[in-house]
Amino acid sequence: MNFVSTRGGCRPFSFSEAVSEGLAPDGGLFVPETLPDISALLPEWEKLPYPKLCAEFMKIFAVDIPAKDIDAIAEMAYKRFDTPEIAPLTRLDKDLHLLELYHGPTLAFKDFALQFLGELYEYLLSRSGRKINVLGATSGDTGGAAINGLLGKGNANIFILYPEGRISPLQERQMTCTGAKNVFPIAIRGTFDDAQAIVKELFSDLDFKSAWRLSAVNSINLARILAQCVYYVWAYLRLDKDSRAKVQFIVPTGNFGNVLAGWLVSKMGVGGLSFKVATNRNDILYRLFKTGVYEVSKVCPSHAPSMDIQVSSNFERFIYLSQCGKDAAKVREVMAGFKKSGKWVFDNFAADGFSASRADDELIEKLIVSAYGKYSVVIDPHTACAFADLSFDGTKVVVSTAHPAKFPDLIKKLLGFEAKADSLERLKDKQIVKTVMDADKVLVAAMIEKCGLV
């Protein structure tokens, strides 16, 4: 299987090449040349443990890596999760389920992809003898999960940009208190969108990218999206067969990668699926699916900081596969127009299996209290956004994206007790080590040149 750019400006890449590149050389995002039909495989996948299911799914795409090596990578990736189920599916009500994606080492859904990607990087680098500098931006959880996946690995240094003062204190500590010599957290004076723009600009500078062997851990990296597809297949197969005919996954959404992974599964022959994009007050995607207009507005800090995003980088994959019919020239037109004006009006916009909901901070607070009172579950503020609209007539699966212990102050305020996790408690007394700088790609490039591997 080959992978092509959404902007059509480069040759097809193999899986290993696409993973190593991260962002395509023409500035686009890699997508499979064709999406496979996995429907016939579902019966034999039904009883597989999570690591084996991940391996079998990834083998469809990673055809340039021996099958036994994919088995080993997947087995290693999920060793540090705190439950044998890896992704428990808990029934809250007759037709309502909670998919718990916070049992990894950094207590966030990003661990599912980034533990796999960390093992995959180590595998590829050990065989090539190469060294890389991993560059990414985070609005909260990606940074900690990416760093944890690459912690102490000798062939990779990792540089993570995040908005200073706009992520939770414990999210920051997960990035800045590791003590690892290959980890470089960079706090940007600005927003997540500013940090993400710098990452894209540096990847688009092909000379710089090549000289410093940049690779990406953001969800612009195709391996992350594919690894995230697995838990949608897993959850679907955990449902009673009678419940599978009509299923809606309700997904807290900022950068669009998590929900895109589920949507891709629906395009691979898993029938009866639809998806609700659950946004916070930064509701560009909510407005898009309601109006067909994609338009940025000011980023406002919220209780759900990982979703404080206006420019959702994975949306380009959806545009390519759904709205533009794989027409790369049209994708280039859309992205250029949006970059220039901050707005794009789609002609005959098709929701294509998506709907959307919105929760401001006041509603997030009410939903956390309501979920605890009604279902006896403590949810984080991102997951709370997914409870804003449970009106779907069928099986509903709320995708729970982070452990509530990451937001202790809000939980204490609303529920009267602290949500705790041992791994986070151990961080509280450790020294924070970070670099603070203006949102300037020249400054970030200079730091990579100073501290990067060559």
Protein backbone atom coordinates (compact mmCIF):
# COMPACT_ATOMS: atom_id res chain seq x y z
CA MET A 1 0.00 0.00 0.00
CA ASN A 2 1.20 3.50 -0.88
CA PHE A 3 0.42 6.87 0.67
CA VAL A 4 -0.16 10.11 -1.22
CA SER A 5 -0.26 13.77 -0.28
CA THR A 6 -3.55 15.64 -0.01
CA ARG A 7 -1.94 18.35 -2.17
CA GLY A 8 -0.71 16.03 -4.92
CA GLY A 9 2.76 17.52 -5.24
CA CYS A 10 4.95 14.49 -4.56
CA ARG A 11 5.33 10.83 -5.45
CA PRO A 12 3.59 8.08 -3.48
CA PHE A 13 5.42 7.07 -0.29
CA SER A 14 5.70 3.75 1.52
CA PHE A 15 4.38 3.45 5.07
CA SER A 16 7.85 3.75 6.64
CA GLU A 17 8.68 6.75 4.46
CA ALA A 18 5.40 8.50 5.30
CA VAL A 19 5.93 7.94 9.03
CA SER A 20 9.48 9.28 8.86
CA GLU A 21 8.47 12.34 6.81
CA GLY A 22 5.47 13.28 8.94
CA LEU A 23 4.32 16.18 6.77
CA ALA A 24 4.45 15.55 3.03
CA PRO A 25 7.18 17.50 1.15
CA ASP A 26 4.53 19.61 -0.61
CA GLY A 27 3.00 20.71 2.70
CA GLY A 28 0.10 18.29 2.48
CA LEU A 29 -0.87 15.38 4.70
CA PHE A 30 -0.37 11.74 3.81
CA VAL A 31 -3.44 9.57 3.23
CA PRO A 32 -3.73 5.96 2.00
CA GLU A 33 -3.93 5.81 -1.78
CA THR A 34 -7.00 3.61 -1.30
CA LEU A 35 -8.89 2.71 1.85
CA PRO A 36 -9.18 -1.04 2.47
CA ASP A 37 -12.44 -2.87 3.23
CA ILE A 38 -12.00 -4.55 6.62
CA SER A 39 -15.58 -5.77 7.04
CA ALA A 40 -14.75 -9.41 6.28
CA LEU A 41 -12.00 -9.40 8.93
CA LEU A 42 -14.22 -8.26 11.82
CA PRO A 43 -15.48 -11.72 12.88
CA GLU A 44 -11.94 -13.06 13.33
CA TRP A 45 -10.84 -9.85 15.09
CA GLU A 46 -13.67 -9.97 17.62
CA LYS A 47 -11.85 -12.02 20.28
CA LEU A 48 -8.37 -10.58 19.83
CA PRO A 49 -6.72 -8.74 22.75
CA TYR A 50 -6.06 -5.08 22.09
CA PRO A 51 -2.34 -5.31 21.13
CA LYS A 52 -3.03 -8.12 18.68
CA LEU A 53 -5.98 -6.22 17.16
CA CYS A 54 -3.71 -3.20 16.71
CA ALA A 55 -1.07 -5.34 15.03
CA GLU A 56 -3.53 -6.98 12.63
CA PHE A 57 -5.01 -3.60 11.68
CA MET A 58 -1.62 -1.95 11.15
CA LYS A 59 -0.34 -4.83 9.00
CA ILE A 60 -2.85 -3.79 6.34
CA PHE A 61 -1.03 -0.48 5.96
CA ALA A 62 2.56 -1.19 7.03
CA VAL A 63 3.20 -3.71 4.27
CA ASP A 64 6.89 -2.78 4.10
CA ILE A 65 7.48 -3.99 7.67
CA PRO A 66 7.58 -7.73 8.45
CA ALA A 67 4.40 -8.95 10.19
CA LYS A 68 6.31 -10.38 13.16
CA ASP A 69 7.91 -6.99 13.76
CA ILE A 70 4.52 -5.25 13.77
CA ASP A 71 3.39 -7.84 16.36
CA ALA A 72 6.39 -6.98 18.55
CA ILE A 73 5.92 -3.21 18.18
CA ALA A 74 2.24 -3.41 19.15
CA GLU A 75 2.95 -5.73 22.08
CA MET A 76 5.56 -3.31 23.48
CA ALA A 77 3.37 -0.25 22.87
CA TYR A 78 0.62 -1.31 25.28
CA LYS A 79 2.68 -2.80 28.13
CA ARG A 80 2.42 0.31 30.31
CA PHE A 81 -1.37 0.68 30.32
CA ASP A 82 -2.95 0.20 33.75
CA THR A 83 -5.72 -2.20 32.70
CA PRO A 84 -5.54 -5.44 30.68
CA GLU A 85 -8.46 -4.25 28.54
CA ILE A 86 -6.38 -1.22 27.43
CA ALA A 87 -9.55 0.62 26.34
CA PRO A 88 -12.46 -0.42 28.60
CA LEU A 89 -15.98 0.13 27.28
CA THR A 90 -18.27 0.88 30.22
CA ARG A 91 -22.07 0.83 29.93
CA LEU A 92 -23.58 3.88 31.64
CA ASP A 93 -27.18 3.40 30.57
CA LYS A 94 -29.21 1.19 28.25
CA ASP A 95 -27.87 2.76 25.04
CA LEU A 96 -25.01 4.87 26.43
CA HIS A 97 -21.41 3.71 26.79
CA LEU A 98 -18.15 5.36 27.85
CA LEU A 99 -14.98 4.42 25.97
CA GLU A 100 -12.19 4.98 28.51
CA LEU A 101 -9.07 6.12 26.66
CA TYR A 102 -7.11 7.40 29.66
CA HIS A 103 -5.41 4.26 30.98
CA GLY A 104 -2.03 4.88 29.32
CA PRO A 105 1.12 6.24 30.98
CA THR A 106 0.12 9.92 30.55
CA LEU A 107 -3.60 9.35 31.19
CA ALA A 108 -4.82 10.62 27.82
CA PHE A 109 -6.06 9.12 24.55
CA LYS A 110 -2.89 10.32 22.82
CA ASP A 111 -1.03 7.43 24.48
CA PHE A 112 -2.72 4.93 22.16
CA ALA A 113 -0.99 6.36 19.12
CA LEU A 114 2.16 7.80 20.64
CA GLN A 115 3.25 4.71 22.53
CA PHE A 116 2.93 2.84 19.23
CA LEU A 117 4.70 5.60 17.31
CA GLY A 118 7.55 5.72 19.83
CA GLU A 119 8.17 1.99 19.42
CA LEU A 120 7.86 2.32 15.64
CA TYR A 121 10.41 5.15 15.54
CA GLU A 122 12.86 3.11 17.60
CA TYR A 123 12.41 0.14 15.27
CA LEU A 124 12.92 2.17 12.08
CA LEU A 125 15.89 4.15 13.43
CA SER A 126 17.70 1.12 14.82
CA ARG A 127 17.58 -0.51 11.40
CA SER A 128 18.60 2.55 9.41
CA GLY A 129 21.24 3.93 11.80
CA ARG A 130 19.65 7.36 11.40
CA LYS A 131 18.93 9.97 14.06
CA ILE A 132 15.93 12.32 14.00
CA ASN A 133 14.65 15.45 15.66
CA VAL A 134 10.97 15.15 16.46
CA LEU A 135 9.04 18.41 16.36
CA GLY A 136 5.48 18.92 17.49
CA ALA A 137 2.97 21.34 18.96
CA THR A 138 0.48 20.56 21.69
CA SER A 139 -2.62 22.12 23.19
CA GLY A 140 -2.22 19.88 26.24
CA ASP A 141 -2.05 16.11 26.08
CA THR A 142 -0.12 15.43 22.87
CA GLY A 143 3.10 16.84 24.30
CA GLY A 144 3.20 14.67 27.39
CA ALA A 145 2.19 11.55 25.47
CA ALA A 146 4.73 12.20 22.69
CA ILE A 147 7.52 12.83 25.17
CA ASN A 148 6.63 9.72 27.13
CA GLY A 149 6.68 7.62 23.97
CA LEU A 150 10.22 8.80 23.12
CA LEU A 151 11.60 9.21 26.62
CA GLY A 152 15.30 8.39 26.77
CA LYS A 153 15.46 6.93 23.26
CA GLY A 154 18.98 7.52 21.97
CA ASN A 155 18.25 8.14 18.29
CA ALA A 156 15.63 10.87 18.75
CA ASN A 157 15.50 14.28 20.38
CA ILE A 158 12.04 15.75 20.83
CA PHE A 159 11.04 19.43 20.73
CA ILE A 160 7.47 20.18 21.84
CA LEU A 161 5.91 23.64 21.53
CA TYR A 162 2.95 24.60 23.72
CA PRO A 163 1.15 27.85 24.61
CA GLU A 164 2.58 29.32 27.80
CA GLY A 165 -0.07 29.58 30.53
CA ARG A 166 -2.78 27.93 28.42
CA ILE A 167 -2.50 24.29 29.44
CA SER A 168 -3.20 22.76 32.83
CA PRO A 169 -0.33 22.79 35.37
CA LEU A 170 -0.21 18.99 35.45
CA GLN A 171 -0.17 18.75 31.66
CA GLU A 172 2.83 21.08 31.72
CA ARG A 173 4.56 19.02 34.39
CA GLN A 174 4.21 15.87 32.28
CA MET A 175 6.35 17.59 29.65
CA THR A 176 8.76 19.60 31.76
CA CYS A 177 9.61 17.31 34.70
CA THR A 178 10.96 14.25 32.91
CA GLY A 179 14.65 14.88 33.53
CA ALA A 180 15.40 13.25 30.16
CA LYS A 181 18.26 14.69 28.15
CA ASN A 182 16.50 14.17 24.80
CA VAL A 183 13.41 16.24 25.75
CA PHE A 184 13.09 19.99 25.00
CA PRO A 185 9.76 21.62 26.04
CA ILE A 186 9.28 25.08 24.50
CA ALA A 187 6.62 27.39 25.95
CA ILE A 188 5.43 29.82 23.28
CA ARG A 189 4.05 33.22 24.16
CA GLY A 190 0.84 32.86 22.16
CA THR A 191 -1.82 30.28 21.31
CA PHE A 192 -1.71 26.67 20.22
CA ASP A 193 -2.47 27.84 16.68
CA ASP A 194 0.69 29.99 16.80
CA ALA A 195 2.73 26.98 17.91
CA GLN A 196 1.19 24.73 15.28
CA ALA A 197 1.85 27.30 12.55
CA ILE A 198 5.56 27.37 13.47
CA VAL A 199 5.73 23.58 13.25
CA LYS A 200 4.13 23.59 9.80
CA GLU A 201 6.39 26.39 8.58
CA LEU A 202 9.53 24.55 9.69
CA PHE A 203 8.37 21.33 8.06
CA SER A 204 7.63 23.28 4.89
CA ASP A 205 11.22 24.59 4.81
CA LEU A 206 12.53 21.52 3.01
CA ASP A 207 16.20 22.46 3.38
CA PHE A 208 15.86 22.88 7.15
CA LYS A 209 13.71 19.76 7.45
CA SER A 210 16.30 17.70 5.58
CA ALA A 211 19.34 19.13 7.38
CA TRP A 212 17.87 18.42 10.81
CA ARG A 213 15.92 15.29 9.85
CA LEU A 214 12.66 16.58 11.29
CA SER A 215 9.86 14.15 11.98
CA ALA A 216 6.38 14.77 13.35
CA VAL A 217 4.43 13.33 16.26
CA ASN A 218 1.42 15.61 15.86
CA SER A 219 -1.61 14.01 14.30
CA ILE A 220 -0.30 15.26 10.97
CA ASN A 221 1.68 11.98 11.17
CA LEU A 222 -0.40 9.32 9.46
CA ALA A 223 0.74 6.55 11.84
CA ARG A 224 -0.97 8.37 14.68
CA ILE A 225 -4.30 8.47 12.88
CA LEU A 226 -4.09 4.81 11.88
CA ALA A 227 -3.18 3.72 15.43
CA GLN A 228 -6.19 5.67 16.71
CA CYS A 229 -8.50 3.88 14.27
CA VAL A 230 -7.96 0.72 16.28
CA TYR A 231 -9.91 1.73 19.38
CA TYR A 232 -12.99 2.48 17.29
CA VAL A 233 -12.85 -1.03 15.84
CA TRP A 234 -12.22 -2.36 19.36
CA ALA A 235 -15.20 -0.51 20.85
CA TYR A 236 -17.49 -1.55 17.99
CA LEU A 237 -16.57 -5.21 18.54
CA ARG A 238 -17.20 -4.91 22.31
CA LEU A 239 -20.83 -3.90 21.70
CA ASP A 240 -23.58 -6.49 21.62
CA LYS A 241 -24.25 -7.48 18.03
CA ASP A 242 -27.80 -6.14 18.33
CA SER A 243 -26.36 -2.74 19.31
CA ARG A 244 -24.07 -2.37 16.29
CA ALA A 245 -26.63 -1.52 13.62
CA LYS A 246 -26.77 2.17 14.51
CA VAL A 247 -23.85 3.57 16.52
CA GLN A 248 -22.83 7.16 17.17
CA PHE A 249 -19.40 7.95 18.57
CA ILE A 250 -19.43 11.30 20.37
CA VAL A 251 -15.90 12.66 20.31
CA PRO A 252 -14.42 15.72 22.09
CA THR A 253 -12.70 17.44 19.19
CA GLY A 254 -10.07 20.12 18.70
CA ASN A 255 -7.51 19.15 16.07
CA PHE A 256 -9.91 16.71 14.34
CA GLY A 257 -7.48 13.77 14.40
CA ASN A 258 -9.33 11.64 16.95
CA VAL A 259 -12.73 11.86 15.29
CA LEU A 260 -11.20 11.56 11.80
CA ALA A 261 -9.77 8.16 12.82
CA GLY A 262 -13.25 6.92 13.63
CA TRP A 263 -14.67 8.31 10.41
CA LEU A 264 -11.96 6.50 8.44
CA VAL A 265 -13.06 3.23 10.05
CA SER A 266 -16.57 3.88 8.76
CA LYS A 267 -15.10 4.29 5.27
CA MET A 268 -13.33 0.93 5.64
CA GLY A 269 -16.54 -1.06 5.67
CA VAL A 270 -17.59 -0.89 9.33
CA GLY A 271 -21.24 -0.08 8.81
CA GLY A 272 -23.81 1.87 10.81
CA LEU A 273 -21.38 4.41 12.28
CA SER A 274 -21.87 8.14 12.65
CA PHE A 275 -19.88 10.73 14.57
CA LYS A 276 -20.70 13.77 16.66
CA VAL A 277 -17.98 16.42 16.87
CA ALA A 278 -18.20 17.75 20.43
CA THR A 279 -16.57 21.18 20.69
CA ASN A 280 -16.00 23.64 23.49
CA ARG A 281 -16.47 27.42 23.20
CA ASN A 282 -13.85 27.46 20.41
CA ASP A 283 -16.43 26.08 18.04
CA ILE A 284 -15.08 26.46 14.49
CA LEU A 285 -15.98 22.85 13.69
CA TYR A 286 -19.43 23.15 15.23
CA ARG A 287 -20.09 26.18 13.04
CA LEU A 288 -18.74 24.37 9.99
CA PHE A 289 -21.01 21.35 10.35
CA LYS A 290 -23.98 23.61 11.02
CA THR A 291 -23.38 26.10 8.18
CA GLY A 292 -20.77 24.80 5.73
CA VAL A 293 -18.59 27.84 6.52
CA TYR A 294 -15.08 27.25 7.87
CA GLU A 295 -14.04 30.50 9.55
CA VAL A 296 -11.57 31.26 12.32
CA SER A 297 -12.38 33.46 15.26
CA LYS A 298 -10.42 34.43 18.37
CA VAL A 299 -9.14 31.55 20.51
CA CYS A 300 -10.64 31.83 23.98
CA PRO A 301 -9.14 29.95 26.95
CA SER A 302 -11.57 27.40 28.36
CA HIS A 303 -12.03 24.62 30.90
CA ALA A 304 -11.10 22.20 28.09
CA PRO A 305 -7.73 23.63 27.00
CA SER A 306 -6.72 20.82 24.63
CA MET A 307 -9.61 21.94 22.43
CA ASP A 308 -8.70 25.64 22.42
CA ILE A 309 -7.99 25.48 18.70
CA GLN A 310 -9.24 27.27 15.60
CA VAL A 311 -7.16 25.69 12.81
CA SER A 312 -7.70 21.92 12.90
CA SER A 313 -4.79 20.47 10.97
CA ASN A 314 -6.41 17.08 10.29
CA PHE A 315 -9.37 18.72 8.64
CA GLU A 316 -7.35 18.77 5.41
CA ARG A 317 -7.60 14.98 5.21
CA PHE A 318 -11.38 15.19 5.49
CA ILE A 319 -11.48 17.87 2.80
CA TYR A 320 -9.43 15.68 0.46
CA LEU A 321 -11.34 12.45 1.04
CA SER A 322 -14.85 13.83 1.38
CA GLN A 323 -15.44 17.37 0.15
CA CYS A 324 -12.99 17.43 -2.77
CA GLY A 325 -13.28 13.86 -4.01
CA LYS A 326 -9.48 13.33 -3.82
CA ASP A 327 -8.93 16.32 -6.12
CA ALA A 328 -5.57 17.65 -4.88
CA ALA A 329 -5.85 20.83 -6.94
CA LYS A 330 -9.13 21.68 -5.21
CA VAL A 331 -7.55 20.98 -1.81
CA ARG A 332 -4.72 23.38 -2.63
CA GLU A 333 -7.30 26.02 -3.58
CA VAL A 334 -9.23 25.55 -0.34
CA MET A 335 -6.17 25.61 1.89
CA ALA A 336 -4.63 28.63 0.14
CA GLY A 337 -7.90 30.53 0.36
CA PHE A 338 -8.37 29.67 4.00
CA LYS A 339 -4.79 30.63 4.87
CA LYS A 340 -5.20 33.99 3.12
CA SER A 341 -8.56 35.05 4.54
CA GLY A 342 -9.24 32.75 7.50
CA LYS A 343 -12.49 31.66 5.87
CA TRP A 344 -13.75 29.20 3.28
CA VAL A 345 -17.37 28.71 2.20
CA PHE A 346 -17.94 25.20 0.85
CA ASP A 347 -20.31 24.75 -2.04
CA ASN A 348 -22.76 21.93 -1.30
CA PHE A 349 -21.01 21.02 1.94
CA ALA A 350 -21.66 17.37 2.90
CA ALA A 351 -21.58 16.44 6.58
CA ASP A 352 -20.81 12.86 5.46
CA GLY A 353 -21.71 11.10 8.70
CA PHE A 354 -20.89 13.97 11.05
CA SER A 355 -22.99 16.13 13.32
CA ALA A 356 -21.80 18.56 16.00
CA SER A 357 -22.49 19.93 19.47
CA ARG A 358 -21.05 22.74 21.56
CA ALA A 359 -20.43 23.32 25.27
CA ASP A 360 -19.23 26.56 26.83
CA ASP A 361 -17.55 26.60 30.24
CA GLU A 362 -20.82 27.03 32.15
CA LEU A 363 -22.30 24.00 30.44
CA ILE A 364 -19.11 21.95 30.94
CA GLU A 365 -19.43 22.51 34.68
CA LYS A 366 -23.07 21.43 34.68
CA LEU A 367 -22.27 18.33 32.64
CA ILE A 368 -19.49 17.21 35.01
CA VAL A 369 -21.88 17.51 37.95
CA SER A 370 -24.70 15.81 36.04
CA ALA A 371 -22.56 12.85 34.89
CA TYR A 372 -21.40 12.22 38.45
CA GLY A 373 -24.93 12.45 39.84
CA LYS A 374 -26.59 10.34 37.15
CA TYR A 375 -23.92 7.78 36.25
CA SER A 376 -21.49 7.91 39.22
CA VAL A 377 -18.57 8.68 36.89
CA VAL A 378 -16.03 11.49 37.21
CA ILE A 379 -15.26 12.97 33.81
CA ASP A 380 -12.71 15.53 32.70
CA PRO A 381 -13.85 18.80 31.05
CA HIS A 382 -13.07 17.57 27.52
CA THR A 383 -15.16 14.44 27.95
CA ALA A 384 -17.89 16.63 29.45
CA CYS A 385 -18.33 18.33 26.08
CA ALA A 386 -19.44 15.00 24.63
CA PHE A 387 -22.36 14.85 27.09
CA ALA A 388 -23.85 18.09 25.72
CA ASP A 389 -26.12 16.30 23.25
CA LEU A 390 -27.12 12.67 23.80
CA SER A 391 -30.23 12.81 21.64
CA PHE A 392 -29.11 10.22 19.07
CA ASP A 393 -31.65 7.44 18.58
CA GLY A 394 -29.39 4.41 18.77
CA THR A 395 -26.25 3.21 20.52
CA LYS A 396 -24.14 6.10 21.81
CA VAL A 397 -20.44 5.81 22.69
CA VAL A 398 -18.91 8.79 24.46
CA VAL A 399 -15.16 8.86 23.83
CA SER A 400 -13.52 9.80 27.13
CA THR A 401 -10.22 11.41 26.25
CA ALA A 402 -8.42 12.22 29.54
CA HIS A 403 -8.30 11.29 33.21
CA PRO A 404 -10.09 13.81 35.46
CA ALA A 405 -7.04 13.93 37.74
CA LYS A 406 -5.41 16.20 35.14
CA PHE A 407 -7.88 18.91 36.17
CA PRO A 408 -7.91 18.68 39.98
CA ASP A 409 -8.96 22.25 40.72
CA LEU A 410 -12.08 22.12 38.56
CA ILE A 411 -13.13 18.70 39.85
CA LYS A 412 -12.61 19.81 43.47
CA LYS A 413 -14.66 22.95 42.85
CA LEU A 414 -17.55 21.06 41.25
CA LEU A 415 -17.65 17.75 43.10
CA GLY A 416 -16.04 18.60 46.42
CA PHE A 417 -13.19 16.10 46.24
CA GLU A 418 -9.91 15.72 44.38
CA ALA A 419 -9.48 13.34 41.47
CA LYS A 420 -6.02 11.83 41.82
CA ALA A 421 -3.65 9.60 39.90
CA ASP A 422 -0.38 8.32 41.35
CA SER A 423 1.67 9.18 38.26
CA LEU A 424 0.58 12.80 38.49
CA GLU A 425 1.11 13.07 42.22
CA ARG A 426 4.75 12.07 41.74
CA LEU A 427 5.28 15.05 39.41
CA LYS A 428 4.25 17.74 41.87
CA ASP A 429 7.59 17.99 43.66
CA LYS A 430 9.79 17.80 40.56
CA GLN A 431 11.58 20.77 39.01
CA ILE A 432 10.09 22.29 35.86
CA VAL A 433 12.63 22.66 33.03
CA LYS A 434 11.46 24.55 29.94
CA THR A 435 12.41 27.30 27.50
CA VAL A 436 10.05 30.25 27.10
CA MET A 437 10.16 32.25 23.86
CA ASP A 438 8.11 34.39 21.52
CA ALA A 439 6.09 32.69 18.80
CA ASP A 440 8.82 33.05 16.20
CA LYS A 441 9.96 30.22 13.92
CA VAL A 442 13.48 31.72 13.76
CA LEU A 443 13.85 31.30 17.53
CA VAL A 444 12.54 27.75 17.45
CA ALA A 445 14.82 26.87 14.52
CA ALA A 446 17.79 28.28 16.42
CA MET A 447 17.03 26.06 19.40
CA ILE A 448 16.83 22.98 17.19
CA GLU A 449 20.17 23.93 15.64
CA LYS A 450 21.65 24.29 19.12
CA CYS A 451 20.23 21.15 20.72
CA GLY A 452 19.25 18.84 17.88
CA LEU A 453 20.85 15.56 16.88
CA VAL A 454 22.99 15.52 13.73
